[in-house]
Amino acid sequence: MTSESYFQELTRLLAPLTADERTEAVTYFQDYAEDGGLPDGDAITAALGSPRQLALQILADYSIKSSTAPAAQGTPPSPRSNARQIWLIILAILSAPMTVPVGIALFAIMLALIIVVASVVFSILIILAAVVVTGIGVGLFSLYSGAVLIGSHFMVGLTYLGFGLAGTGLGLLFIPVVKWTTQGIFSQTARFFRWIYRRIGKKPMEGQKQ
């Protein structure tokens, strides 16, 4: 593989980035290869990994950089953005060149983390969703029962109407709580995986001008 074909493949794999970001990343590593005396694609691969490995790390770096800017301005990234960042970080870490035993151990650790995080997130969201559905369901049933009974049993019907309004209100109140909790969980999970990436992930663009 020539250095030209290496960087052509790298450019293709960096399609999720903007044109300016692709140019910035590819130019950086072209200069890196030239300054490091890496004459061909094989030498570049030995130093930086395959085009796919390097592309995954670059995408993870840009995802982290793009999420920290809005957060610094008080606009938290969306759960979808955080989920994508988590996935890119996982792929970047697992794609880094390493020995087979280390790779297997790291894969097992990452898989365990994913299972634990997914279980906790799923459990919390199920509980909150159950509160919302139960509150609204019981509230609507109570409202219906109250409307039916209020003509013949005024106090009983009025009680049911009160319970109905309270239950419906509680259910509706928990809808934004579900949204905020989801955003918070994904935000903290992404922060945790960023911390892992900074500790054990290769940082191919470290030293690049921000």
C-alpha atoms as a PDB file:
ATOM      1  CA  MET A   1       0.000   0.000   0.000  1.00  0.00           C
ATOM      2  CA  THR A   2       1.295   3.424  -0.941  1.00  0.00           C
ATOM      3  CA  SER A   3       0.944   6.439   1.312  1.00  0.00           C
ATOM      4  CA  GLU A   4      -1.389   7.970  -1.259  1.00  0.00           C
ATOM      5  CA  SER A   5      -3.771   4.996  -1.173  1.00  0.00           C
ATOM      6  CA  TYR A   6      -3.597   4.971   2.648  1.00  0.00           C
ATOM      7  CA  PHE A   7      -4.771   8.577   2.875  1.00  0.00           C
ATOM      8  CA  GLN A   8      -7.362   8.091   0.136  1.00  0.00           C
ATOM      9  CA  GLU A   9      -8.886   5.282   2.177  1.00  0.00           C
ATOM     10  CA  LEU A  10      -8.642   7.385   5.348  1.00  0.00           C
ATOM     11  CA  THR A  11     -10.448  10.242   3.609  1.00  0.00           C
ATOM     12  CA  ARG A  12     -13.227   7.883   2.494  1.00  0.00           C
ATOM     13  CA  LEU A  13     -13.687   6.510   6.014  1.00  0.00           C
ATOM     14  CA  LEU A  14     -13.914  10.034   7.434  1.00  0.00           C
ATOM     15  CA  ALA A  15     -17.078  10.728   5.416  1.00  0.00           C
ATOM     16  CA  PRO A  16     -19.149  11.520   8.583  1.00  0.00           C
ATOM     17  CA  LEU A  17     -16.970  14.612   9.148  1.00  0.00           C
ATOM     18  CA  THR A  18     -17.413  17.882   7.329  1.00  0.00           C
ATOM     19  CA  ALA A  19     -15.173  18.627   4.354  1.00  0.00           C
ATOM     20  CA  ASP A  20     -13.078  21.058   6.422  1.00  0.00           C
ATOM     21  CA  GLU A  21     -12.678  18.545   9.261  1.00  0.00           C
ATOM     22  CA  ARG A  22     -11.633  15.794   6.840  1.00  0.00           C
ATOM     23  CA  THR A  23      -9.097  18.079   5.227  1.00  0.00           C
ATOM     24  CA  GLU A  24      -7.761  19.135   8.622  1.00  0.00           C
ATOM     25  CA  ALA A  25      -7.386  15.557   9.869  1.00  0.00           C
ATOM     26  CA  VAL A  26      -5.883  14.110   6.689  1.00  0.00           C
ATOM     27  CA  THR A  27      -3.485  17.027   6.253  1.00  0.00           C
ATOM     28  CA  TYR A  28      -2.362  16.647   9.864  1.00  0.00           C
ATOM     29  CA  PHE A  29      -1.491  12.991   9.423  1.00  0.00           C
ATOM     30  CA  GLN A  30       0.088  13.529   6.020  1.00  0.00           C
ATOM     31  CA  ASP A  31       2.402  16.055   7.648  1.00  0.00           C
ATOM     32  CA  TYR A  32       2.904  13.628  10.543  1.00  0.00           C
ATOM     33  CA  ALA A  33       3.946  10.859   8.141  1.00  0.00           C
ATOM     34  CA  GLU A  34       6.244  13.179   6.200  1.00  0.00           C
ATOM     35  CA  ASP A  35       7.906  14.581   9.331  1.00  0.00           C
ATOM     36  CA  GLY A  36       8.247  11.081  10.806  1.00  0.00           C
ATOM     37  CA  GLY A  37       9.926   9.712   7.699  1.00  0.00           C
ATOM     38  CA  LEU A  38       7.161   7.179   6.969  1.00  0.00           C
ATOM     39  CA  PRO A  39       7.668   6.443   3.256  1.00  0.00           C
ATOM     40  CA  ASP A  40       4.677   4.222   2.463  1.00  0.00           C
ATOM     41  CA  GLY A  41       1.367   2.899   3.689  1.00  0.00           C
ATOM     42  CA  ASP A  42       2.936  -0.047   5.466  1.00  0.00           C
ATOM     43  CA  ALA A  43       5.160   2.223   7.552  1.00  0.00           C
ATOM     44  CA  ILE A  44       2.223   4.505   8.315  1.00  0.00           C
ATOM     45  CA  THR A  45       0.116   1.499   9.332  1.00  0.00           C
ATOM     46  CA  ALA A  46       2.861   0.287  11.652  1.00  0.00           C
ATOM     47  CA  ALA A  47       2.975   3.700  13.327  1.00  0.00           C
ATOM     48  CA  LEU A  48      -0.695   4.741  13.329  1.00  0.00           C
ATOM     49  CA  GLY A  49      -2.712   1.617  12.602  1.00  0.00           C
ATOM     50  CA  SER A  50      -4.776   0.800   9.534  1.00  0.00           C
ATOM     51  CA  PRO A  51      -6.882   3.504   7.853  1.00  0.00           C
ATOM     52  CA  ARG A  52      -9.970   2.086   9.566  1.00  0.00           C
ATOM     53  CA  GLN A  53      -8.352   2.062  13.007  1.00  0.00           C
ATOM     54  CA  LEU A  54      -7.098   5.601  12.607  1.00  0.00           C
ATOM     55  CA  ALA A  55     -10.435   6.806  11.182  1.00  0.00           C
ATOM     56  CA  LEU A  56     -12.351   5.435  14.179  1.00  0.00           C
ATOM     57  CA  GLN A  57     -10.049   7.234  16.588  1.00  0.00           C
ATOM     58  CA  ILE A  58     -10.313  10.483  14.626  1.00  0.00           C
ATOM     59  CA  LEU A  59     -14.120  10.222  14.559  1.00  0.00           C
ATOM     60  CA  ALA A  60     -14.163   9.620  18.307  1.00  0.00           C
ATOM     61  CA  ASP A  61     -11.899  12.633  18.899  1.00  0.00           C
ATOM     62  CA  TYR A  62     -14.049  14.910  16.745  1.00  0.00           C
ATOM     63  CA  SER A  63     -17.222  13.627  18.399  1.00  0.00           C
ATOM     64  CA  ILE A  64     -15.808  14.486  21.834  1.00  0.00           C
ATOM     65  CA  LYS A  65     -14.640  17.897  20.641  1.00  0.00           C
ATOM     66  CA  SER A  66     -17.986  18.710  19.020  1.00  0.00           C
ATOM     67  CA  SER A  67     -19.905  17.747  22.183  1.00  0.00           C
ATOM     68  CA  THR A  68     -17.783  19.744  24.614  1.00  0.00           C
ATOM     69  CA  ALA A  69     -18.316  23.067  22.824  1.00  0.00           C
ATOM     70  CA  PRO A  70     -22.141  23.183  23.178  1.00  0.00           C
ATOM     71  CA  ALA A  71     -21.870  21.842  26.739  1.00  0.00           C
ATOM     72  CA  ALA A  72     -19.537  24.706  27.647  1.00  0.00           C
ATOM     73  CA  GLN A  73     -22.180  27.129  26.370  1.00  0.00           C
ATOM     74  CA  GLY A  74     -24.895  25.517  28.498  1.00  0.00           C
ATOM     75  CA  THR A  75     -26.489  23.460  25.715  1.00  0.00           C
ATOM     76  CA  PRO A  76     -26.185  19.757  26.569  1.00  0.00           C
ATOM     77  CA  PRO A  77     -25.829  17.281  23.677  1.00  0.00           C
ATOM     78  CA  SER A  78     -28.892  15.231  22.808  1.00  0.00           C
ATOM     79  CA  PRO A  79     -29.172  11.578  23.963  1.00  0.00           C
ATOM     80  CA  ARG A  80     -28.739  10.525  20.325  1.00  0.00           C
ATOM     81  CA  SER A  81     -25.508  12.503  20.047  1.00  0.00           C
ATOM     82  CA  ASN A  82     -24.213  11.047  23.301  1.00  0.00           C
ATOM     83  CA  ALA A  83     -25.173   7.512  22.238  1.00  0.00           C
ATOM     84  CA  ARG A  84     -23.287   7.960  18.956  1.00  0.00           C
ATOM     85  CA  GLN A  85     -20.270   9.286  20.826  1.00  0.00           C
ATOM     86  CA  ILE A  86     -20.293   6.320  23.225  1.00  0.00           C
ATOM     87  CA  TRP A  87     -20.415   3.920  20.281  1.00  0.00           C
ATOM     88  CA  LEU A  88     -17.553   5.685  18.478  1.00  0.00           C
ATOM     89  CA  ILE A  89     -15.421   5.630  21.628  1.00  0.00           C
ATOM     90  CA  ILE A  90     -16.049   1.906  22.100  1.00  0.00           C
ATOM     91  CA  LEU A  91     -15.122   1.183  18.468  1.00  0.00           C
ATOM     92  CA  ALA A  92     -12.038   3.411  18.699  1.00  0.00           C
ATOM     93  CA  ILE A  93     -10.770   1.679  21.838  1.00  0.00           C
ATOM     94  CA  LEU A  94     -11.430  -1.820  20.533  1.00  0.00           C
ATOM     95  CA  SER A  95      -9.873  -1.028  17.152  1.00  0.00           C
ATOM     96  CA  ALA A  96      -6.566   0.168  18.629  1.00  0.00           C
ATOM     97  CA  PRO A  97      -3.632  -2.134  17.792  1.00  0.00           C
ATOM     98  CA  MET A  98      -2.942  -4.457  20.717  1.00  0.00           C
ATOM     99  CA  THR A  99      -1.912  -8.008  21.475  1.00  0.00           C
ATOM    100  CA  VAL A 100      -4.573 -10.734  21.329  1.00  0.00           C
ATOM    101  CA  PRO A 101      -4.773 -11.393  25.116  1.00  0.00           C
ATOM    102  CA  VAL A 102      -5.046  -7.660  25.849  1.00  0.00           C
ATOM    103  CA  GLY A 103      -7.617  -7.253  23.107  1.00  0.00           C
ATOM    104  CA  ILE A 104      -9.755 -10.094  24.450  1.00  0.00           C
ATOM    105  CA  ALA A 105      -9.543  -8.760  28.005  1.00  0.00           C
ATOM    106  CA  LEU A 106     -10.403  -5.212  26.882  1.00  0.00           C
ATOM    107  CA  PHE A 107     -13.313  -6.484  24.803  1.00  0.00           C
ATOM    108  CA  ALA A 108     -14.648  -8.398  27.813  1.00  0.00           C
ATOM    109  CA  ILE A 109     -14.355  -5.311  30.029  1.00  0.00           C
ATOM    110  CA  MET A 110     -16.080  -3.063  27.506  1.00  0.00           C
ATOM    111  CA  LEU A 111     -18.841  -5.628  26.965  1.00  0.00           C
ATOM    112  CA  ALA A 112     -19.393  -5.879  30.727  1.00  0.00           C
ATOM    113  CA  LEU A 113     -19.556  -2.075  31.014  1.00  0.00           C
ATOM    114  CA  ILE A 114     -22.073  -1.869  28.185  1.00  0.00           C
ATOM    115  CA  ILE A 115     -24.261  -4.554  29.770  1.00  0.00           C
ATOM    116  CA  VAL A 116     -24.146  -2.912  33.209  1.00  0.00           C
ATOM    117  CA  VAL A 117     -24.856   0.590  31.867  1.00  0.00           C
ATOM    118  CA  ALA A 118     -27.633  -0.657  29.574  1.00  0.00           C
ATOM    119  CA  SER A 119     -29.233  -2.582  32.439  1.00  0.00           C
ATOM    120  CA  VAL A 120     -29.202   0.416  34.771  1.00  0.00           C
ATOM    121  CA  VAL A 121     -30.505   2.796  32.097  1.00  0.00           C
ATOM    122  CA  PHE A 122     -33.231   0.376  31.022  1.00  0.00           C
ATOM    123  CA  SER A 123     -34.341  -0.232  34.610  1.00  0.00           C
ATOM    124  CA  ILE A 124     -34.568   3.465  35.456  1.00  0.00           C
ATOM    125  CA  LEU A 125     -36.455   4.319  32.276  1.00  0.00           C
ATOM    126  CA  ILE A 126     -38.853   1.395  32.754  1.00  0.00           C
ATOM    127  CA  ILE A 127     -39.653   2.568  36.296  1.00  0.00           C
ATOM    128  CA  LEU A 128     -40.237   6.150  35.179  1.00  0.00           C
ATOM    129  CA  ALA A 129     -42.291   5.049  32.175  1.00  0.00           C
ATOM    130  CA  ALA A 130     -44.378   2.817  34.456  1.00  0.00           C
ATOM    131  CA  VAL A 131     -45.060   5.773  36.747  1.00  0.00           C
ATOM    132  CA  VAL A 132     -46.187   7.874  33.782  1.00  0.00           C
ATOM    133  CA  VAL A 133     -48.401   5.186  32.236  1.00  0.00           C
ATOM    134  CA  THR A 134     -49.865   4.111  35.575  1.00  0.00           C
ATOM    135  CA  GLY A 135     -50.534   7.678  36.691  1.00  0.00           C
ATOM    136  CA  ILE A 136     -52.251   8.660  33.457  1.00  0.00           C
ATOM    137  CA  GLY A 137     -54.118   5.353  33.178  1.00  0.00           C
ATOM    138  CA  VAL A 138     -55.421   5.386  36.733  1.00  0.00           C
ATOM    139  CA  GLY A 139     -56.166   9.093  36.447  1.00  0.00           C
ATOM    140  CA  LEU A 140     -58.261   8.700  33.294  1.00  0.00           C
ATOM    141  CA  PHE A 141     -60.126   5.725  34.748  1.00  0.00           C
ATOM    142  CA  SER A 142     -60.860   7.666  37.926  1.00  0.00           C
ATOM    143  CA  LEU A 143     -62.072  10.652  35.919  1.00  0.00           C
ATOM    144  CA  TYR A 144     -64.393   8.434  33.927  1.00  0.00           C
ATOM    145  CA  SER A 145     -65.673   6.722  37.083  1.00  0.00           C
ATOM    146  CA  GLY A 146     -66.167  10.060  38.795  1.00  0.00           C
ATOM    147  CA  ALA A 147     -68.108  11.451  35.841  1.00  0.00           C
ATOM    148  CA  VAL A 148     -70.369   8.390  35.854  1.00  0.00           C
ATOM    149  CA  LEU A 149     -70.940   8.393  39.641  1.00  0.00           C
ATOM    150  CA  ILE A 150     -71.213  12.081  40.351  1.00  0.00           C
ATOM    151  CA  GLY A 151     -74.883  12.207  39.372  1.00  0.00           C
ATOM    152  CA  SER A 152     -75.991   9.401  41.705  1.00  0.00           C
ATOM    153  CA  HIS A 153     -73.294   9.468  44.392  1.00  0.00           C
ATOM    154  CA  PHE A 154     -72.014  13.018  44.438  1.00  0.00           C
ATOM    155  CA  MET A 155     -69.307  12.707  47.109  1.00  0.00           C
ATOM    156  CA  VAL A 156     -68.010   9.386  45.756  1.00  0.00           C
ATOM    157  CA  GLY A 157     -67.950  10.768  42.245  1.00  0.00           C
ATOM    158  CA  LEU A 158     -66.200  13.921  43.422  1.00  0.00           C
ATOM    159  CA  THR A 159     -63.589  11.808  45.199  1.00  0.00           C
ATOM    160  CA  TYR A 160     -62.957   9.817  42.041  1.00  0.00           C
ATOM    161  CA  LEU A 161     -62.625  13.033  40.055  1.00  0.00           C
ATOM    162  CA  GLY A 162     -60.067  14.313  42.560  1.00  0.00           C
ATOM    163  CA  PHE A 163     -58.056  11.104  42.342  1.00  0.00           C
ATOM    164  CA  GLY A 164     -58.339  11.231  38.577  1.00  0.00           C
ATOM    165  CA  LEU A 165     -56.990  14.766  38.336  1.00  0.00           C
ATOM    166  CA  ALA A 166     -54.178  13.950  40.782  1.00  0.00           C
ATOM    167  CA  GLY A 167     -53.180  10.755  38.948  1.00  0.00           C
ATOM    168  CA  THR A 168     -53.291  12.359  35.513  1.00  0.00           C
ATOM    169  CA  GLY A 169     -51.343  15.350  36.770  1.00  0.00           C
ATOM    170  CA  LEU A 170     -48.705  13.112  38.342  1.00  0.00           C
ATOM    171  CA  GLY A 171     -48.335  11.133  35.146  1.00  0.00           C
ATOM    172  CA  LEU A 172     -47.992  14.273  33.020  1.00  0.00           C
ATOM    173  CA  LEU A 173     -45.578  15.756  35.559  1.00  0.00           C
ATOM    174  CA  PHE A 174     -43.263  12.784  35.157  1.00  0.00           C
ATOM    175  CA  ILE A 175     -43.018  13.131  31.366  1.00  0.00           C
ATOM    176  CA  PRO A 176     -40.382  15.931  31.544  1.00  0.00           C
ATOM    177  CA  VAL A 177     -38.732  13.995  34.383  1.00  0.00           C
ATOM    178  CA  VAL A 178     -38.319  11.041  32.002  1.00  0.00           C
ATOM    179  CA  LYS A 179     -36.846  13.385  29.381  1.00  0.00           C
ATOM    180  CA  TRP A 180     -34.407  15.035  31.818  1.00  0.00           C
ATOM    181  CA  THR A 181     -33.428  11.683  33.311  1.00  0.00           C
ATOM    182  CA  THR A 182     -32.757  10.233  29.859  1.00  0.00           C
ATOM    183  CA  GLN A 183     -30.607  13.210  28.905  1.00  0.00           C
ATOM    184  CA  GLY A 184     -28.748  13.050  32.228  1.00  0.00           C
ATOM    185  CA  ILE A 185     -28.092   9.313  31.998  1.00  0.00           C
ATOM    186  CA  PHE A 186     -26.727   9.515  28.459  1.00  0.00           C
ATOM    187  CA  SER A 187     -24.688  12.602  29.338  1.00  0.00           C
ATOM    188  CA  GLN A 188     -23.062  10.972  32.362  1.00  0.00           C
ATOM    189  CA  THR A 189     -22.508   7.709  30.477  1.00  0.00           C
ATOM    190  CA  ALA A 190     -20.824   9.585  27.637  1.00  0.00           C
ATOM    191  CA  ARG A 191     -18.674  11.446  30.170  1.00  0.00           C
ATOM    192  CA  PHE A 192     -17.677   8.104  31.741  1.00  0.00           C
ATOM    193  CA  PHE A 193     -16.675   6.631  28.383  1.00  0.00           C
ATOM    194  CA  ARG A 194     -14.769   9.808  27.523  1.00  0.00           C
ATOM    195  CA  TRP A 195     -12.851   9.355  30.769  1.00  0.00           C
ATOM    196  CA  ILE A 196     -12.031   5.768  29.809  1.00  0.00           C
ATOM    197  CA  TYR A 197     -10.974   6.859  26.330  1.00  0.00           C
ATOM    198  CA  ARG A 198      -8.620   9.490  27.714  1.00  0.00           C
ATOM    199  CA  ARG A 199      -7.020   6.895  29.989  1.00  0.00           C
ATOM    200  CA  ILE A 200      -6.609   3.931  27.650  1.00  0.00           C
ATOM    201  CA  GLY A 201      -7.491   5.141  24.184  1.00  0.00           C
ATOM    202  CA  LYS A 202      -4.880   6.220  21.674  1.00  0.00           C
ATOM    203  CA  LYS A 203      -5.113   9.935  20.950  1.00  0.00           C
ATOM    204  CA  PRO A 204      -3.971  10.255  17.340  1.00  0.00           C
ATOM    205  CA  MET A 205      -4.594  13.991  17.125  1.00  0.00           C
ATOM    206  CA  GLU A 206      -2.941  14.932  20.400  1.00  0.00           C
ATOM    207  CA  GLY A 207      -0.865  18.009  19.856  1.00  0.00           C
ATOM    208  CA  GLN A 208      -2.939  19.148  16.889  1.00  0.00           C
ATOM    209  CA  LYS A 209      -3.785  22.801  16.885  1.00  0.00           C
ATOM    210  CA  GLN A 210      -7.311  23.255  18.224  1.00  0.00           C
END
